[in-house]
Amino acid sequence: MDVVCREKHATRIAMLNTHRLAGTVEVDGLQYDWELRREPRWADAEGWKGMSVALLQKDTQREALLEFPPPKRLMKGLQRGRLQISDAIVARGIRAALLAGWEPESRGKPMVFMVDADGN
């Protein structure tokens, strides 16, 4: 009985971590704060635009923005679903931004990185 309760609690926690709009993740021993900056939306000039997630390493200045593609369901004319932002997607996005040249310790404007739906 106790094991079943723990499994249900772990499942609830995992579900909560999927639908948050901000949080903190650890990547390679460093803490990064993230927050949803823009939900997928329709723009008359450009069509569907995907969500945007802001990243900031703890105690640094330079932000990175991850630009995701619009969900395929919107492109097909289907209704919007729930946003799927997990710590794993954010962590992959952080690694992709770092590999692409983001230097969180430097100063300057936020750097923008296009990623796929999985954060790569």
PDB file of N, CA and C in Angstrom:
ATOM      1  N   MET A   1       0.821  -1.195   0.000  1.00  0.00           N
ATOM      2  CA  MET A   1       0.000   0.000   0.000  1.00  0.00           C
ATOM      3  C   MET A   1       0.865   1.259   0.000  1.00  0.00           C
ATOM      4  N   ASP A   2       1.904   1.269   0.817  1.00  0.00           N
ATOM      5  CA  ASP A   2       2.790   2.426   0.914  1.00  0.00           C
ATOM      6  C   ASP A   2       3.503   2.695  -0.412  1.00  0.00           C
ATOM      7  N   VAL A   3       3.880   1.627  -1.114  1.00  0.00           N
ATOM      8  CA  VAL A   3       4.564   1.780  -2.402  1.00  0.00           C
ATOM      9  C   VAL A   3       3.643   2.413  -3.436  1.00  0.00           C
ATOM     10  N   VAL A   4       2.386   2.016  -3.447  1.00  0.00           N
ATOM     11  CA  VAL A   4       1.418   2.568  -4.389  1.00  0.00           C
ATOM     12  C   VAL A   4       1.238   4.066  -4.144  1.00  0.00           C
ATOM     13  N   CYS A   5       1.142   4.479  -2.889  1.00  0.00           N
ATOM     14  CA  CYS A   5       0.995   5.904  -2.566  1.00  0.00           C
ATOM     15  C   CYS A   5       2.209   6.698  -3.030  1.00  0.00           C
ATOM     16  N   ARG A   6       3.392   6.159  -2.842  1.00  0.00           N
ATOM     17  CA  ARG A   6       4.605   6.854  -3.287  1.00  0.00           C
ATOM     18  C   ARG A   6       4.631   7.001  -4.804  1.00  0.00           C
ATOM     19  N   GLU A   7       4.217   5.940  -5.510  1.00  0.00           N
ATOM     20  CA  GLU A   7       4.194   6.008  -6.975  1.00  0.00           C
ATOM     21  C   GLU A   7       3.206   7.068  -7.448  1.00  0.00           C
ATOM     22  N   LYS A   8       2.040   7.145  -6.833  1.00  0.00           N
ATOM     23  CA  LYS A   8       1.057   8.158  -7.216  1.00  0.00           C
ATOM     24  C   LYS A   8       1.597   9.548  -6.936  1.00  0.00           C
ATOM     25  N   HIS A   9       2.265   9.731  -5.779  1.00  0.00           N
ATOM     26  CA  HIS A   9       2.851  11.029  -5.442  1.00  0.00           C
ATOM     27  C   HIS A   9       3.940  11.403  -6.447  1.00  0.00           C
ATOM     28  N   ALA A  10       4.790  10.451  -6.817  1.00  0.00           N
ATOM     29  CA  ALA A  10       5.851  10.716  -7.791  1.00  0.00           C
ATOM     30  C   ALA A  10       5.254  11.080  -9.147  1.00  0.00           C
ATOM     31  N   THR A  11       4.168  10.433  -9.529  1.00  0.00           N
ATOM     32  CA  THR A  11       3.514  10.746 -10.796  1.00  0.00           C
ATOM     33  C   THR A  11       2.951  12.162 -10.762  1.00  0.00           C
ATOM     34  N   ARG A  12       2.328  12.565  -9.634  1.00  0.00           N
ATOM     35  CA  ARG A  12       1.794  13.923  -9.518  1.00  0.00           C
ATOM     36  C   ARG A  12       2.915  14.955  -9.610  1.00  0.00           C
ATOM     37  N   ILE A  13       4.029  14.696  -8.962  1.00  0.00           N
ATOM     38  CA  ILE A  13       5.152  15.625  -9.013  1.00  0.00           C
ATOM     39  C   ILE A  13       5.673  15.730 -10.440  1.00  0.00           C
ATOM     40  N   ALA A  14       5.811  14.619 -11.137  1.00  0.00           N
ATOM     41  CA  ALA A  14       6.282  14.645 -12.527  1.00  0.00           C
ATOM     42  C   ALA A  14       5.322  15.446 -13.399  1.00  0.00           C
ATOM     43  N   MET A  15       4.018  15.304 -13.177  1.00  0.00           N
ATOM     44  CA  MET A  15       3.044  16.059 -13.962  1.00  0.00           C
ATOM     45  C   MET A  15       3.149  17.547 -13.657  1.00  0.00           C
ATOM     46  N   LEU A  16       3.360  17.905 -12.402  1.00  0.00           N
ATOM     47  CA  LEU A  16       3.513  19.312 -12.049  1.00  0.00           C
ATOM     48  C   LEU A  16       4.738  19.909 -12.726  1.00  0.00           C
ATOM     49  N   ASN A  17       5.804  19.163 -12.809  1.00  0.00           N
ATOM     50  CA  ASN A  17       7.035  19.658 -13.420  1.00  0.00           C
ATOM     51  C   ASN A  17       6.881  19.860 -14.918  1.00  0.00           C
ATOM     52  N   THR A  18       5.903  19.233 -15.545  1.00  0.00           N
ATOM     53  CA  THR A  18       5.717  19.360 -16.981  1.00  0.00           C
ATOM     54  C   THR A  18       4.974  20.640 -17.346  1.00  0.00           C
ATOM     55  N   HIS A  19       4.082  21.117 -16.481  1.00  0.00           N
ATOM     56  CA  HIS A  19       3.209  22.226 -16.860  1.00  0.00           C
ATOM     57  C   HIS A  19       3.519  23.533 -16.130  1.00  0.00           C
ATOM     58  N   ARG A  20       4.708  23.661 -15.586  1.00  0.00           N
ATOM     59  CA  ARG A  20       5.096  24.902 -14.943  1.00  0.00           C
ATOM     60  C   ARG A  20       5.448  25.935 -16.010  1.00  0.00           C
ATOM     61  N   LEU A  21       5.384  27.202 -15.635  1.00  0.00           N
ATOM     62  CA  LEU A  21       5.716  28.279 -16.561  1.00  0.00           C
ATOM     63  C   LEU A  21       7.035  28.946 -16.191  1.00  0.00           C
ATOM     64  N   ALA A  22       7.690  28.485 -15.124  1.00  0.00           N
ATOM     65  CA  ALA A  22       8.995  28.989 -14.704  1.00  0.00           C
ATOM     66  C   ALA A  22       9.598  27.973 -13.755  1.00  0.00           C
ATOM     67  N   GLY A  23      10.912  28.039 -13.601  1.00  0.00           N
ATOM     68  CA  GLY A  23      11.555  27.113 -12.685  1.00  0.00           C
ATOM     69  C   GLY A  23      13.061  27.271 -12.701  1.00  0.00           C
ATOM     70  N   THR A  24      13.724  26.332 -12.062  1.00  0.00           N
ATOM     71  CA  THR A  24      15.173  26.295 -12.005  1.00  0.00           C
ATOM     72  C   THR A  24      15.621  24.879 -12.319  1.00  0.00           C
ATOM     73  N   VAL A  25      16.639  24.758 -13.163  1.00  0.00           N
ATOM     74  CA  VAL A  25      17.214  23.453 -13.480  1.00  0.00           C
ATOM     75  C   VAL A  25      18.717  23.514 -13.265  1.00  0.00           C
ATOM     76  N   GLU A  26      19.297  22.356 -13.021  1.00  0.00           N
ATOM     77  CA  GLU A  26      20.745  22.261 -12.875  1.00  0.00           C
ATOM     78  C   GLU A  26      21.311  21.557 -14.098  1.00  0.00           C
ATOM     79  N   VAL A  27      22.315  22.189 -14.709  1.00  0.00           N
ATOM     80  CA  VAL A  27      22.983  21.619 -15.872  1.00  0.00           C
ATOM     81  C   VAL A  27      24.483  21.702 -15.612  1.00  0.00           C
ATOM     82  N   ASP A  28      25.126  20.555 -15.619  1.00  0.00           N
ATOM     83  CA  ASP A  28      26.577  20.478 -15.398  1.00  0.00           C
ATOM     84  C   ASP A  28      27.006  21.207 -14.125  1.00  0.00           C
ATOM     85  N   GLY A  29      26.219  21.055 -13.068  1.00  0.00           N
ATOM     86  CA  GLY A  29      26.559  21.623 -11.769  1.00  0.00           C
ATOM     87  C   GLY A  29      26.216  23.090 -11.574  1.00  0.00           C
ATOM     88  N   LEU A  30      25.632  23.734 -12.583  1.00  0.00           N
ATOM     89  CA  LEU A  30      25.262  25.149 -12.480  1.00  0.00           C
ATOM     90  C   LEU A  30      23.745  25.286 -12.500  1.00  0.00           C
ATOM     91  N   GLN A  31      23.229  26.273 -11.767  1.00  0.00           N
ATOM     92  CA  GLN A  31      21.792  26.523 -11.688  1.00  0.00           C
ATOM     93  C   GLN A  31      21.364  27.547 -12.746  1.00  0.00           C
ATOM     94  N   TYR A  32      20.286  27.254 -13.437  1.00  0.00           N
ATOM     95  CA  TYR A  32      19.721  28.152 -14.446  1.00  0.00           C
ATOM     96  C   TYR A  32      18.249  28.383 -14.142  1.00  0.00           C
ATOM     97  N   ASP A  33      17.836  29.636 -14.120  1.00  0.00           N
ATOM     98  CA  ASP A  33      16.422  29.981 -13.997  1.00  0.00           C
ATOM     99  C   ASP A  33      15.837  30.065 -15.398  1.00  0.00           C
ATOM    100  N   TRP A  34      14.587  29.637 -15.555  1.00  0.00           N
ATOM    101  CA  TRP A  34      13.909  29.752 -16.843  1.00  0.00           C
ATOM    102  C   TRP A  34      12.473  30.208 -16.601  1.00  0.00           C
ATOM    103  N   GLU A  35      11.924  30.867 -17.616  1.00  0.00           N
ATOM    104  CA  GLU A  35      10.513  31.254 -17.557  1.00  0.00           C
ATOM    105  C   GLU A  35       9.955  31.356 -18.964  1.00  0.00           C
ATOM    106  N   LEU A  36       8.681  31.035 -19.078  1.00  0.00           N
ATOM    107  CA  LEU A  36       7.983  31.176 -20.352  1.00  0.00           C
ATOM    108  C   LEU A  36       7.793  32.660 -20.623  1.00  0.00           C
ATOM    109  N   ARG A  37       8.250  33.125 -21.773  1.00  0.00           N
ATOM    110  CA  ARG A  37       8.093  34.542 -22.138  1.00  0.00           C
ATOM    111  C   ARG A  37       6.950  34.752 -23.120  1.00  0.00           C
ATOM    112  N   ARG A  38       6.716  33.752 -23.979  1.00  0.00           N
ATOM    113  CA  ARG A  38       5.642  33.903 -24.965  1.00  0.00           C
ATOM    114  C   ARG A  38       5.036  32.534 -25.258  1.00  0.00           C
ATOM    115  N   GLU A  39       3.735  32.475 -25.224  1.00  0.00           N
ATOM    116  CA  GLU A  39       3.035  31.258 -25.631  1.00  0.00           C
ATOM    117  C   GLU A  39       2.913  31.256 -27.152  1.00  0.00           C
ATOM    118  N   PRO A  40       2.652  30.095 -27.757  1.00  0.00           N
ATOM    119  CA  PRO A  40       2.438  30.084 -29.205  1.00  0.00           C
ATOM    120  C   PRO A  40       1.297  31.026 -29.562  1.00  0.00           C
ATOM    121  N   ARG A  41       1.477  31.772 -30.667  1.00  0.00           N
ATOM    122  CA  ARG A  41       0.450  32.751 -31.046  1.00  0.00           C
ATOM    123  C   ARG A  41       0.468  32.959 -32.552  1.00  0.00           C
ATOM    124  N   TRP A  42      -0.619  33.527 -33.036  1.00  0.00           N
ATOM    125  CA  TRP A  42      -0.758  33.862 -34.449  1.00  0.00           C
ATOM    126  C   TRP A  42      -0.294  35.296 -34.659  1.00  0.00           C
ATOM    127  N   ALA A  43       0.563  35.510 -35.654  1.00  0.00           N
ATOM    128  CA  ALA A  43       0.994  36.854 -36.045  1.00  0.00           C
ATOM    129  C   ALA A  43       0.599  37.038 -37.504  1.00  0.00           C
ATOM    130  N   ASP A  44      -0.135  38.105 -37.798  1.00  0.00           N
ATOM    131  CA  ASP A  44      -0.633  38.317 -39.161  1.00  0.00           C
ATOM    132  C   ASP A  44       0.472  38.280 -40.203  1.00  0.00           C
ATOM    133  N   ALA A  45       1.591  38.901 -39.920  1.00  0.00           N
ATOM    134  CA  ALA A  45       2.672  38.985 -40.907  1.00  0.00           C
ATOM    135  C   ALA A  45       3.459  37.689 -41.044  1.00  0.00           C
ATOM    136  N   GLU A  46       3.536  36.904 -39.969  1.00  0.00           N
ATOM    137  CA  GLU A  46       4.424  35.741 -39.972  1.00  0.00           C
ATOM    138  C   GLU A  46       3.718  34.407 -39.816  1.00  0.00           C
ATOM    139  N   GLY A  47       2.428  34.409 -39.529  1.00  0.00           N
ATOM    140  CA  GLY A  47       1.733  33.156 -39.263  1.00  0.00           C
ATOM    141  C   GLY A  47       1.961  32.727 -37.819  1.00  0.00           C
ATOM    142  N   TRP A  48       1.939  31.430 -37.568  1.00  0.00           N
ATOM    143  CA  TRP A  48       2.107  30.924 -36.214  1.00  0.00           C
ATOM    144  C   TRP A  48       3.550  31.100 -35.744  1.00  0.00           C
ATOM    145  N   LYS A  49       3.686  31.594 -34.521  1.00  0.00           N
ATOM    146  CA  LYS A  49       4.991  31.697 -33.858  1.00  0.00           C
ATOM    147  C   LYS A  49       4.948  30.789 -32.637  1.00  0.00           C
ATOM    148  N   GLY A  50       6.047  30.104 -32.394  1.00  0.00           N
ATOM    149  CA  GLY A  50       6.115  29.182 -31.264  1.00  0.00           C
ATOM    150  C   GLY A  50       6.380  29.899 -29.957  1.00  0.00           C
ATOM    151  N   MET A  51       6.472  29.110 -28.894  1.00  0.00           N
ATOM    152  CA  MET A  51       6.731  29.697 -27.574  1.00  0.00           C
ATOM    153  C   MET A  51       8.180  30.138 -27.460  1.00  0.00           C
ATOM    154  N   SER A  52       8.422  31.002 -26.503  1.00  0.00           N
ATOM    155  CA  SER A  52       9.750  31.527 -26.228  1.00  0.00           C
ATOM    156  C   SER A  52      10.023  31.349 -24.737  1.00  0.00           C
ATOM    157  N   VAL A  53      11.215  30.812 -24.412  1.00  0.00           N
ATOM    158  CA  VAL A  53      11.605  30.570 -23.030  1.00  0.00           C
ATOM    159  C   VAL A  53      12.893  31.329 -22.747  1.00  0.00           C
ATOM    160  N   ALA A  54      12.887  32.120 -21.666  1.00  0.00           N
ATOM    161  CA  ALA A  54      14.069  32.891 -21.263  1.00  0.00           C
ATOM    162  C   ALA A  54      14.900  32.072 -20.285  1.00  0.00           C
ATOM    163  N   LEU A  55      16.223  32.152 -20.439  1.00  0.00           N
ATOM    164  CA  LEU A  55      17.170  31.444 -19.573  1.00  0.00           C
ATOM    165  C   LEU A  55      18.126  32.436 -18.944  1.00  0.00           C
ATOM    166  N   LEU A  56      18.498  32.180 -17.692  1.00  0.00           N
ATOM    167  CA  LEU A  56      19.496  33.003 -17.028  1.00  0.00           C
ATOM    168  C   LEU A  56      20.231  32.140 -16.015  1.00  0.00           C
ATOM    169  N   GLN A  57      21.560  32.062 -16.168  1.00  0.00           N
ATOM    170  CA  GLN A  57      22.355  31.329 -15.186  1.00  0.00           C
ATOM    171  C   GLN A  57      22.370  32.134 -13.894  1.00  0.00           C
ATOM    172  N   LYS A  58      22.268  31.451 -12.757  1.00  0.00           N
ATOM    173  CA  LYS A  58      22.272  32.137 -11.455  1.00  0.00           C
ATOM    174  C   LYS A  58      23.506  33.020 -11.322  1.00  0.00           C
ATOM    175  N   ASP A  59      23.314  34.220 -10.801  1.00  0.00           N
ATOM    176  CA  ASP A  59      24.387  35.178 -10.517  1.00  0.00           C
ATOM    177  C   ASP A  59      25.148  35.637 -11.764  1.00  0.00           C
ATOM    178  N   THR A  60      24.486  35.636 -12.921  1.00  0.00           N
ATOM    179  CA  THR A  60      25.078  36.176 -14.141  1.00  0.00           C
ATOM    180  C   THR A  60      24.125  37.194 -14.739  1.00  0.00           C
ATOM    181  N   GLN A  61      24.544  37.836 -15.838  1.00  0.00           N
ATOM    182  CA  GLN A  61      23.761  38.925 -16.410  1.00  0.00           C
ATOM    183  C   GLN A  61      23.108  38.611 -17.742  1.00  0.00           C
ATOM    184  N   ARG A  62      23.784  37.852 -18.588  1.00  0.00           N
ATOM    185  CA  ARG A  62      23.317  37.715 -19.969  1.00  0.00           C
ATOM    186  C   ARG A  62      22.300  36.598 -20.131  1.00  0.00           C
ATOM    187  N   GLU A  63      21.136  36.983 -20.620  1.00  0.00           N
ATOM    188  CA  GLU A  63      20.052  36.039 -20.860  1.00  0.00           C
ATOM    189  C   GLU A  63      20.202  35.366 -22.212  1.00  0.00           C
ATOM    190  N   ALA A  64      19.529  34.240 -22.338  1.00  0.00           N
ATOM    191  CA  ALA A  64      19.348  33.587 -23.631  1.00  0.00           C
ATOM    192  C   ALA A  64      17.852  33.363 -23.808  1.00  0.00           C
ATOM    193  N   LEU A  65      17.395  33.446 -25.033  1.00  0.00           N
ATOM    194  CA  LEU A  65      15.995  33.154 -25.358  1.00  0.00           C
ATOM    195  C   LEU A  65      15.959  31.958 -26.285  1.00  0.00           C
ATOM    196  N   LEU A  66      15.180  30.959 -25.912  1.00  0.00           N
ATOM    197  CA  LEU A  66      14.970  29.805 -26.768  1.00  0.00           C
ATOM    198  C   LEU A  66      13.677  30.013 -27.528  1.00  0.00           C
ATOM    199  N   GLU A  67      13.765  30.006 -28.846  1.00  0.00           N
ATOM    200  CA  GLU A  67      12.586  30.147 -29.704  1.00  0.00           C
ATOM    201  C   GLU A  67      12.220  28.759 -30.228  1.00  0.00           C
ATOM    202  N   PHE A  68      11.041  28.287 -29.867  1.00  0.00           N
ATOM    203  CA  PHE A  68      10.565  26.978 -30.288  1.00  0.00           C
ATOM    204  C   PHE A  68       9.675  27.117 -31.519  1.00  0.00           C
ATOM    205  N   PRO A  69       9.610  26.082 -32.351  1.00  0.00           N
ATOM    206  CA  PRO A  69       8.691  26.137 -33.494  1.00  0.00           C
ATOM    207  C   PRO A  69       7.242  26.059 -32.995  1.00  0.00           C
ATOM    208  N   PRO A  70       6.301  26.539 -33.800  1.00  0.00           N
ATOM    209  CA  PRO A  70       4.899  26.406 -33.391  1.00  0.00           C
ATOM    210  C   PRO A  70       4.515  24.928 -33.340  1.00  0.00           C
ATOM    211  N   PRO A  71       3.646  24.544 -32.410  1.00  0.00           N
ATOM    212  CA  PRO A  71       3.205  23.154 -32.355  1.00  0.00           C
ATOM    213  C   PRO A  71       2.533  22.739 -33.663  1.00  0.00           C
ATOM    214  N   LYS A  72       2.787  21.520 -34.080  1.00  0.00           N
ATOM    215  CA  LYS A  72       2.233  21.021 -35.343  1.00  0.00           C
ATOM    216  C   LYS A  72       0.715  21.058 -35.353  1.00  0.00           C
ATOM    217  N   ARG A  73       0.106  20.857 -34.183  1.00  0.00           N
ATOM    218  CA  ARG A  73      -1.358  20.849 -34.124  1.00  0.00           C
ATOM    219  C   ARG A  73      -1.933  22.205 -34.529  1.00  0.00           C
ATOM    220  N   LEU A  74      -1.236  23.305 -34.207  1.00  0.00           N
ATOM    221  CA  LEU A  74      -1.720  24.629 -34.603  1.00  0.00           C
ATOM    222  C   LEU A  74      -1.584  24.824 -36.101  1.00  0.00           C
ATOM    223  N   MET A  75      -0.511  24.303 -36.666  1.00  0.00           N
ATOM    224  CA  MET A  75      -0.285  24.429 -38.106  1.00  0.00           C
ATOM    225  C   MET A  75      -1.369  23.691 -38.904  1.00  0.00           C
ATOM    226  N   LYS A  76      -1.942  22.654 -38.284  1.00  0.00           N
ATOM    227  CA  LYS A  76      -2.980  21.860 -38.942  1.00  0.00           C
ATOM    228  C   LYS A  76      -4.380  22.411 -38.672  1.00  0.00           C
ATOM    229  N   GLY A  77      -4.461  23.510 -37.904  1.00  0.00           N
ATOM    230  CA  GLY A  77      -5.752  24.115 -37.619  1.00  0.00           C
ATOM    231  C   GLY A  77      -6.469  23.507 -36.430  1.00  0.00           C
ATOM    232  N   LEU A  78      -5.791  22.671 -35.643  1.00  0.00           N
ATOM    233  CA  LEU A  78      -6.414  22.067 -34.472  1.00  0.00           C
ATOM    234  C   LEU A  78      -6.345  23.031 -33.278  1.00  0.00           C
ATOM    235  N   GLN A  79      -7.091  22.721 -32.248  1.00  0.00           N
ATOM    236  CA  GLN A  79      -7.098  23.572 -31.064  1.00  0.00           C
ATOM    237  C   GLN A  79      -5.767  23.508 -30.331  1.00  0.00           C
ATOM    238  N   ARG A  80      -5.509  24.575 -29.572  1.00  0.00           N
ATOM    239  CA  ARG A  80      -4.295  24.604 -28.755  1.00  0.00           C
ATOM    240  C   ARG A  80      -4.389  23.564 -27.661  1.00  0.00           C
ATOM    241  N   GLY A  81      -3.289  22.903 -27.397  1.00  0.00           N
ATOM    242  CA  GLY A  81      -3.215  21.967 -26.275  1.00  0.00           C
ATOM    243  C   GLY A  81      -2.486  22.631 -25.121  1.00  0.00           C
ATOM    244  N   ARG A  82      -2.225  21.881 -24.082  1.00  0.00           N
ATOM    245  CA  ARG A  82      -1.459  22.403 -22.949  1.00  0.00           C
ATOM    246  C   ARG A  82      -0.001  22.506 -23.348  1.00  0.00           C
ATOM    247  N   LEU A  83       0.658  23.534 -22.862  1.00  0.00           N
ATOM    248  CA  LEU A  83       2.080  23.687 -23.133  1.00  0.00           C
ATOM    249  C   LEU A  83       2.849  22.555 -22.473  1.00  0.00           C
ATOM    250  N   GLN A  84       3.829  22.032 -23.168  1.00  0.00           N
ATOM    251  CA  GLN A  84       4.647  20.945 -22.659  1.00  0.00           C
ATOM    252  C   GLN A  84       6.060  21.462 -22.425  1.00  0.00           C
ATOM    253  N   ILE A  85       6.311  21.975 -21.221  1.00  0.00           N
ATOM    254  CA  ILE A  85       7.645  22.454 -20.876  1.00  0.00           C
ATOM    255  C   ILE A  85       8.119  21.626 -19.689  1.00  0.00           C
ATOM    256  N   SER A  86       9.132  20.829 -19.908  1.00  0.00           N
ATOM    257  CA  SER A  86       9.671  20.028 -18.814  1.00  0.00           C
ATOM    258  C   SER A  86      11.099  20.463 -18.522  1.00  0.00           C
ATOM    259  N   ASP A  87      11.600  20.056 -17.368  1.00  0.00           N
ATOM    260  CA  ASP A  87      12.986  20.360 -17.030  1.00  0.00           C
ATOM    261  C   ASP A  87      13.943  19.760 -18.050  1.00  0.00           C
ATOM    262  N   ALA A  88      13.608  18.590 -18.591  1.00  0.00           N
ATOM    263  CA  ALA A  88      14.477  17.942 -19.576  1.00  0.00           C
ATOM    264  C   ALA A  88      14.571  18.776 -20.862  1.00  0.00           C
ATOM    265  N   ILE A  89      13.452  19.325 -21.316  1.00  0.00           N
ATOM    266  CA  ILE A  89      13.466  20.168 -22.524  1.00  0.00           C
ATOM    267  C   ILE A  89      14.286  21.423 -22.271  1.00  0.00           C
ATOM    268  N   VAL A  90      14.101  22.033 -21.096  1.00  0.00           N
ATOM    269  CA  VAL A  90      14.853  23.244 -20.761  1.00  0.00           C
ATOM    270  C   VAL A  90      16.351  22.928 -20.678  1.00  0.00           C
ATOM    271  N   ALA A  91      16.703  21.815 -20.034  1.00  0.00           N
ATOM    272  CA  ALA A  91      18.120  21.440 -19.909  1.00  0.00           C
ATOM    273  C   ALA A  91      18.754  21.218 -21.280  1.00  0.00           C
ATOM    274  N   ARG A  92      18.030  20.558 -22.187  1.00  0.00           N
ATOM    275  CA  ARG A  92      18.563  20.366 -23.553  1.00  0.00           C
ATOM    276  C   ARG A  92      18.729  21.710 -24.248  1.00  0.00           C
ATOM    277  N   GLY A  93      17.780  22.630 -24.041  1.00  0.00           N
ATOM    278  CA  GLY A  93      17.884  23.961 -24.627  1.00  0.00           C
ATOM    279  C   GLY A  93      19.075  24.738 -24.091  1.00  0.00           C
ATOM    280  N   ILE A  94      19.350  24.608 -22.804  1.00  0.00           N
ATOM    281  CA  ILE A  94      20.513  25.270 -22.208  1.00  0.00           C
ATOM    282  C   ILE A  94      21.794  24.736 -22.826  1.00  0.00           C
ATOM    283  N   ARG A  95      21.893  23.417 -22.932  1.00  0.00           N
ATOM    284  CA  ARG A  95      23.098  22.818 -23.542  1.00  0.00           C
ATOM    285  C   ARG A  95      23.252  23.265 -24.998  1.00  0.00           C
ATOM    286  N   ALA A  96      22.141  23.316 -25.729  1.00  0.00           N
ATOM    287  CA  ALA A  96      22.202  23.748 -27.133  1.00  0.00           C
ATOM    288  C   ALA A  96      22.664  25.200 -27.232  1.00  0.00           C
ATOM    289  N   ALA A  97      22.158  26.070 -26.358  1.00  0.00           N
ATOM    290  CA  ALA A  97      22.547  27.482 -26.380  1.00  0.00           C
ATOM    291  C   ALA A  97      24.030  27.636 -26.028  1.00  0.00           C
ATOM    292  N   LEU A  98      24.495  26.887 -25.031  1.00  0.00           N
ATOM    293  CA  LEU A  98      25.913  26.963 -24.658  1.00  0.00           C
ATOM    294  C   LEU A  98      26.810  26.493 -25.799  1.00  0.00           C
ATOM    295  N   LEU A  99      26.411  25.403 -26.474  1.00  0.00           N
ATOM    296  CA  LEU A  99      27.193  24.906 -27.613  1.00  0.00           C
ATOM    297  C   LEU A  99      27.187  25.891 -28.781  1.00  0.00           C
ATOM    298  N   ALA A 100      26.108  26.659 -28.898  1.00  0.00           N
ATOM    299  CA  ALA A 100      25.985  27.616 -30.002  1.00  0.00           C
ATOM    300  C   ALA A 100      26.647  28.958 -29.703  1.00  0.00           C
ATOM    301  N   GLY A 101      27.252  29.093 -28.499  1.00  0.00           N
ATOM    302  CA  GLY A 101      28.003  30.306 -28.232  1.00  0.00           C
ATOM    303  C   GLY A 101      27.497  31.211 -27.128  1.00  0.00           C
ATOM    304  N   TRP A 102      26.442  30.810 -26.423  1.00  0.00           N
ATOM    305  CA  TRP A 102      25.951  31.627 -25.313  1.00  0.00           C
ATOM    306  C   TRP A 102      26.979  31.614 -24.183  1.00  0.00           C
ATOM    307  N   GLU A 103      27.355  32.784 -23.747  1.00  0.00           N
ATOM    308  CA  GLU A 103      28.275  32.933 -22.627  1.00  0.00           C
ATOM    309  C   GLU A 103      27.544  33.697 -21.520  1.00  0.00           C
ATOM    310  N   PRO A 104      26.935  32.977 -20.586  1.00  0.00           N
ATOM    311  CA  PRO A 104      26.116  33.628 -19.559  1.00  0.00           C
ATOM    312  C   PRO A 104      26.868  34.662 -18.721  1.00  0.00           C
ATOM    313  N   GLU A 105      28.189  34.492 -18.560  1.00  0.00           N
ATOM    314  CA  GLU A 105      28.959  35.420 -17.728  1.00  0.00           C
ATOM    315  C   GLU A 105      29.258  36.735 -18.436  1.00  0.00           C
ATOM    316  N   SER A 106      29.090  36.777 -19.757  1.00  0.00           N
ATOM    317  CA  SER A 106      29.382  38.003 -20.508  1.00  0.00           C
ATOM    318  C   SER A 106      28.239  38.998 -20.356  1.00  0.00           C
ATOM    319  N   ARG A 107      28.479  40.202 -20.819  1.00  0.00           N
ATOM    320  CA  ARG A 107      27.450  41.247 -20.784  1.00  0.00           C
ATOM    321  C   ARG A 107      26.890  41.417 -22.185  1.00  0.00           C
ATOM    322  N   GLY A 108      25.722  42.029 -22.271  1.00  0.00           N
ATOM    323  CA  GLY A 108      25.145  42.312 -23.576  1.00  0.00           C
ATOM    324  C   GLY A 108      23.681  41.950 -23.645  1.00  0.00           C
ATOM    325  N   LYS A 109      23.138  42.137 -24.831  1.00  0.00           N
ATOM    326  CA  LYS A 109      21.731  41.831 -25.072  1.00  0.00           C
ATOM    327  C   LYS A 109      21.507  40.324 -24.991  1.00  0.00           C
ATOM    328  N   PRO A 110      20.279  39.925 -24.715  1.00  0.00           N
ATOM    329  CA  PRO A 110      19.977  38.488 -24.718  1.00  0.00           C
ATOM    330  C   PRO A 110      20.273  37.885 -26.088  1.00  0.00           C
ATOM    331  N   MET A 111      20.788  36.675 -26.085  1.00  0.00           N
ATOM    332  CA  MET A 111      21.040  35.956 -27.332  1.00  0.00           C
ATOM    333  C   MET A 111      19.825  35.085 -27.626  1.00  0.00           C
ATOM    334  N   VAL A 112      19.459  34.987 -28.890  1.00  0.00           N
ATOM    335  CA  VAL A 112      18.278  34.228 -29.298  1.00  0.00           C
ATOM    336  C   VAL A 112      18.739  32.984 -30.051  1.00  0.00           C
ATOM    337  N   PHE A 113      18.170  31.832 -29.666  1.00  0.00           N
ATOM    338  CA  PHE A 113      18.531  30.557 -30.282  1.00  0.00           C
ATOM    339  C   PHE A 113      17.263  29.833 -30.714  1.00  0.00           C
ATOM    340  N   MET A 114      17.258  29.387 -31.962  1.00  0.00           N
ATOM    341  CA  MET A 114      16.153  28.578 -32.467  1.00  0.00           C
ATOM    342  C   MET A 114      16.419  27.127 -32.102  1.00  0.00           C
ATOM    343  N   VAL A 115      15.453  26.472 -31.476  1.00  0.00           N
ATOM    344  CA  VAL A 115      15.581  25.067 -31.110  1.00  0.00           C
ATOM    345  C   VAL A 115      14.389  24.304 -31.675  1.00  0.00           C
ATOM    346  N   ASP A 116      14.492  22.975 -31.671  1.00  0.00           N
ATOM    347  CA  ASP A 116      13.357  22.177 -32.109  1.00  0.00           C
ATOM    348  C   ASP A 116      12.409  21.954 -30.929  1.00  0.00           C
ATOM    349  N   ALA A 117      11.361  21.216 -31.133  1.00  0.00           N
ATOM    350  CA  ALA A 117      10.342  21.018 -30.100  1.00  0.00           C
ATOM    351  C   ALA A 117      10.896  20.328 -28.856  1.00  0.00           C
ATOM    352  N   ASP A 118      12.015  19.613 -28.992  1.00  0.00           N
ATOM    353  CA  ASP A 118      12.628  18.924 -27.863  1.00  0.00           C
ATOM    354  C   ASP A 118      13.716  19.738 -27.189  1.00  0.00           C
ATOM    355  N   GLY A 119      13.961  20.958 -27.667  1.00  0.00           N
ATOM    356  CA  GLY A 119      14.970  21.814 -27.062  1.00  0.00           C
ATOM    357  C   GLY A 119      16.362  21.643 -27.632  1.00  0.00           C
ATOM    358  N   ASN A 120      16.512  20.844 -28.671  1.00  0.00           N
ATOM    359  CA  ASN A 120      17.829  20.617 -29.279  1.00  0.00           C
ATOM    360  C   ASN A 120      18.154  21.663 -30.325  1.00  0.00           C
TER     361      ASN A 120
END
